[in-house]
Amino acid sequence: MDDPTDDIRRELVAVINESPRSRELLEAEFGQVWDPAKLYREFEVVGFRAPFVVVRRRCDQRLGSLLFQHEPRFYFAFVLD
């Protein structure tokens, strides 16, 4: 299946993972940051296409999305749909 966002997402994955940032730097730029354990406590993962993950917030069932970096694995930049 042809995904028109594939090239853009691949470029973004490369940029994010070329110089992974610490939790502190991500928090300074994006606010709240989740590690995998905290992500799964607060969200249900609905799907992903790197570097994005679509989630449903457990407290109110609202959908949103996050960015993530590979190593160390952090999720950040939460946006409600």
N, C-alpha and C. Protein backbone atom coordinates (compact mmCIF):
# COMPACT_ATOMS: atom_id res chain seq x y z
N MET A 1 0.83 -1.17 0.00
CA MET A 1 0.00 0.00 0.00
C MET A 1 0.89 1.25 0.00
N ASP A 2 0.59 2.17 -0.86
CA ASP A 2 1.39 3.38 -1.00
C ASP A 2 0.98 4.40 0.06
N ASP A 3 1.95 4.82 0.86
CA ASP A 3 1.71 5.80 1.92
C ASP A 3 2.36 7.11 1.53
N PRO A 4 1.58 8.15 1.25
CA PRO A 4 2.15 9.43 0.83
C PRO A 4 2.98 10.12 1.91
N THR A 5 2.86 9.69 3.15
CA THR A 5 3.64 10.30 4.23
C THR A 5 4.94 9.55 4.50
N ASP A 6 5.18 8.46 3.80
CA ASP A 6 6.31 7.59 4.11
C ASP A 6 7.65 8.32 4.06
N ASP A 7 7.93 9.06 3.00
CA ASP A 7 9.22 9.74 2.88
C ASP A 7 9.41 10.79 3.97
N ILE A 8 8.37 11.54 4.25
CA ILE A 8 8.44 12.58 5.29
C ILE A 8 8.70 11.94 6.65
N ARG A 9 7.97 10.85 6.94
CA ARG A 9 8.15 10.18 8.23
C ARG A 9 9.56 9.60 8.36
N ARG A 10 10.07 9.01 7.29
CA ARG A 10 11.43 8.45 7.33
C ARG A 10 12.46 9.53 7.63
N GLU A 11 12.30 10.70 7.01
CA GLU A 11 13.21 11.81 7.27
C GLU A 11 13.12 12.25 8.74
N LEU A 12 11.91 12.33 9.26
CA LEU A 12 11.72 12.73 10.65
C LEU A 12 12.30 11.70 11.61
N VAL A 13 12.13 10.42 11.31
CA VAL A 13 12.73 9.36 12.12
C VAL A 13 14.24 9.54 12.16
N ALA A 14 14.85 9.78 11.01
CA ALA A 14 16.30 9.95 10.94
C ALA A 14 16.75 11.15 11.77
N VAL A 15 16.04 12.26 11.66
CA VAL A 15 16.41 13.47 12.42
C VAL A 15 16.28 13.22 13.92
N ILE A 16 15.17 12.63 14.35
CA ILE A 16 14.93 12.40 15.78
C ILE A 16 15.97 11.45 16.35
N ASN A 17 16.30 10.37 15.63
CA ASN A 17 17.17 9.34 16.17
C ASN A 17 18.65 9.56 15.88
N GLU A 18 18.96 10.54 15.04
CA GLU A 18 20.36 10.86 14.75
C GLU A 18 21.05 11.38 16.01
N SER A 19 20.35 12.20 16.76
CA SER A 19 20.89 12.76 18.01
C SER A 19 19.80 12.67 19.08
N PRO A 20 19.59 11.47 19.63
CA PRO A 20 18.54 11.33 20.64
C PRO A 20 18.80 12.24 21.83
N ARG A 21 17.73 12.74 22.39
CA ARG A 21 17.85 13.69 23.50
C ARG A 21 17.50 13.04 24.83
N SER A 22 18.02 13.65 25.86
CA SER A 22 17.71 13.18 27.22
C SER A 22 16.28 13.57 27.57
N ARG A 23 15.76 12.95 28.59
CA ARG A 23 14.42 13.30 29.08
C ARG A 23 14.36 14.79 29.40
N GLU A 24 15.38 15.32 30.04
CA GLU A 24 15.39 16.72 30.46
C GLU A 24 15.30 17.67 29.26
N LEU A 25 16.04 17.38 28.22
CA LEU A 25 15.99 18.24 27.02
C LEU A 25 14.63 18.14 26.32
N LEU A 26 14.08 16.93 26.25
CA LEU A 26 12.76 16.77 25.65
C LEU A 26 11.70 17.50 26.47
N GLU A 27 11.78 17.41 27.81
CA GLU A 27 10.82 18.10 28.67
C GLU A 27 10.92 19.61 28.50
N ALA A 28 12.13 20.12 28.36
CA ALA A 28 12.31 21.56 28.19
C ALA A 28 11.66 22.05 26.90
N GLU A 29 11.69 21.24 25.86
CA GLU A 29 11.12 21.65 24.58
C GLU A 29 9.65 21.29 24.40
N PHE A 30 9.24 20.11 24.90
CA PHE A 30 7.90 19.60 24.60
C PHE A 30 6.99 19.43 25.81
N GLY A 31 7.49 19.64 27.01
CA GLY A 31 6.66 19.42 28.20
C GLY A 31 6.78 17.97 28.66
N GLN A 32 5.66 17.37 29.01
CA GLN A 32 5.67 16.03 29.58
C GLN A 32 6.26 15.00 28.63
N VAL A 33 7.05 14.09 29.20
CA VAL A 33 7.70 13.01 28.46
C VAL A 33 7.37 11.70 29.17
N TRP A 34 7.12 10.66 28.39
CA TRP A 34 6.78 9.35 28.94
C TRP A 34 7.81 8.33 28.53
N ASP A 35 8.22 7.47 29.49
CA ASP A 35 8.99 6.28 29.13
C ASP A 35 7.97 5.18 28.82
N PRO A 36 8.39 4.04 28.31
CA PRO A 36 7.42 3.01 27.92
C PRO A 36 6.47 2.58 29.04
N ALA A 37 6.97 2.40 30.25
CA ALA A 37 6.11 1.96 31.36
C ALA A 37 5.04 3.00 31.67
N LYS A 38 5.42 4.26 31.73
CA LYS A 38 4.45 5.33 32.02
C LYS A 38 3.47 5.50 30.87
N LEU A 39 3.95 5.35 29.64
CA LEU A 39 3.06 5.45 28.49
C LEU A 39 1.94 4.43 28.61
N TYR A 40 2.28 3.18 28.90
CA TYR A 40 1.27 2.13 28.95
C TYR A 40 0.35 2.25 30.15
N ARG A 41 0.79 2.94 31.19
CA ARG A 41 -0.12 3.21 32.32
C ARG A 41 -1.15 4.28 31.97
N GLU A 42 -0.74 5.28 31.21
CA GLU A 42 -1.62 6.41 30.91
C GLU A 42 -2.37 6.31 29.59
N PHE A 43 -1.87 5.48 28.66
CA PHE A 43 -2.44 5.42 27.32
C PHE A 43 -2.59 3.98 26.84
N GLU A 44 -3.56 3.79 25.97
CA GLU A 44 -3.65 2.57 25.19
C GLU A 44 -3.11 2.91 23.80
N VAL A 45 -2.16 2.13 23.32
CA VAL A 45 -1.61 2.38 22.00
C VAL A 45 -2.58 1.81 20.96
N VAL A 46 -3.02 2.67 20.06
CA VAL A 46 -3.98 2.29 19.03
C VAL A 46 -3.25 1.89 17.74
N GLY A 47 -2.15 2.55 17.44
CA GLY A 47 -1.38 2.23 16.25
C GLY A 47 -0.17 3.14 16.16
N PHE A 48 0.73 2.79 15.26
CA PHE A 48 1.88 3.68 15.08
C PHE A 48 2.43 3.57 13.67
N ARG A 49 3.05 4.63 13.29
CA ARG A 49 3.85 4.76 12.08
C ARG A 49 4.98 5.69 12.48
N ALA A 50 6.14 5.08 12.73
CA ALA A 50 7.27 5.84 13.25
C ALA A 50 7.46 7.12 12.44
N PRO A 51 7.72 8.20 13.15
CA PRO A 51 7.96 8.37 14.57
C PRO A 51 6.71 8.77 15.37
N PHE A 52 5.53 8.42 14.86
CA PHE A 52 4.28 8.77 15.54
C PHE A 52 3.63 7.54 16.15
N VAL A 53 2.93 7.76 17.25
CA VAL A 53 2.12 6.72 17.85
C VAL A 53 0.75 7.34 18.17
N VAL A 54 -0.30 6.64 17.80
CA VAL A 54 -1.66 7.08 18.09
C VAL A 54 -2.09 6.39 19.38
N VAL A 55 -2.63 7.17 20.29
CA VAL A 55 -2.98 6.64 21.61
C VAL A 55 -4.38 7.07 22.03
N ARG A 56 -4.93 6.30 22.96
CA ARG A 56 -6.18 6.66 23.61
C ARG A 56 -5.85 6.87 25.10
N ARG A 57 -6.10 8.07 25.58
CA ARG A 57 -5.80 8.40 26.98
C ARG A 57 -6.76 7.63 27.88
N ARG A 58 -6.24 6.88 28.83
CA ARG A 58 -7.06 6.01 29.68
C ARG A 58 -8.02 6.80 30.58
N CYS A 59 -7.64 7.96 31.05
CA CYS A 59 -8.47 8.69 32.00
C CYS A 59 -9.76 9.23 31.40
N ASP A 60 -9.77 9.51 30.08
CA ASP A 60 -10.97 10.08 29.47
C ASP A 60 -11.29 9.51 28.08
N GLN A 61 -10.52 8.52 27.65
CA GLN A 61 -10.75 7.82 26.37
C GLN A 61 -10.54 8.70 25.14
N ARG A 62 -9.90 9.85 25.28
CA ARG A 62 -9.66 10.73 24.13
C ARG A 62 -8.46 10.27 23.33
N LEU A 63 -8.57 10.40 22.01
CA LEU A 63 -7.49 10.03 21.11
C LEU A 63 -6.49 11.18 20.97
N GLY A 64 -5.26 10.81 20.73
CA GLY A 64 -4.22 11.78 20.49
C GLY A 64 -3.02 11.11 19.85
N SER A 65 -1.95 11.85 19.69
CA SER A 65 -0.74 11.29 19.11
C SER A 65 0.48 11.82 19.84
N LEU A 66 1.54 11.06 19.74
CA LEU A 66 2.83 11.40 20.32
C LEU A 66 3.92 11.13 19.29
N LEU A 67 5.04 11.80 19.45
CA LEU A 67 6.27 11.45 18.75
C LEU A 67 7.06 10.52 19.66
N PHE A 68 7.97 9.73 19.08
CA PHE A 68 8.87 8.96 19.93
C PHE A 68 10.24 8.84 19.29
N GLN A 69 11.24 8.72 20.17
CA GLN A 69 12.60 8.43 19.73
C GLN A 69 12.93 7.00 20.15
N HIS A 70 13.86 6.40 19.43
CA HIS A 70 14.14 4.98 19.62
C HIS A 70 14.92 4.69 20.90
N GLU A 71 16.09 5.30 21.05
CA GLU A 71 16.96 4.94 22.18
C GLU A 71 17.64 6.16 22.74
N PRO A 72 17.42 6.56 23.97
CA PRO A 72 16.47 5.92 24.87
C PRO A 72 15.04 6.17 24.41
N ARG A 73 14.17 5.19 24.62
CA ARG A 73 12.78 5.28 24.16
C ARG A 73 12.01 6.24 25.05
N PHE A 74 11.65 7.37 24.45
CA PHE A 74 10.82 8.36 25.11
C PHE A 74 9.72 8.77 24.14
N TYR A 75 8.55 9.04 24.70
CA TYR A 75 7.40 9.52 23.95
C TYR A 75 7.15 10.96 24.38
N PHE A 76 6.83 11.84 23.44
CA PHE A 76 6.73 13.26 23.76
C PHE A 76 5.85 13.98 22.75
N ALA A 77 5.59 15.24 23.00
CA ALA A 77 4.83 16.12 22.10
C ALA A 77 3.40 15.62 21.92
N PHE A 78 2.72 15.32 23.03
CA PHE A 78 1.34 14.83 22.98
C PHE A 78 0.42 15.89 22.41
N VAL A 79 -0.44 15.48 21.47
CA VAL A 79 -1.44 16.36 20.86
C VAL A 79 -2.77 15.60 20.84
N LEU A 80 -3.80 16.24 21.38
CA LEU A 80 -5.14 15.66 21.30
C LEU A 80 -5.68 15.78 19.89
N ASP A 81 -6.42 14.79 19.45
CA ASP A 81 -7.11 14.88 18.15
C ASP A 81 -8.36 15.70 18.29
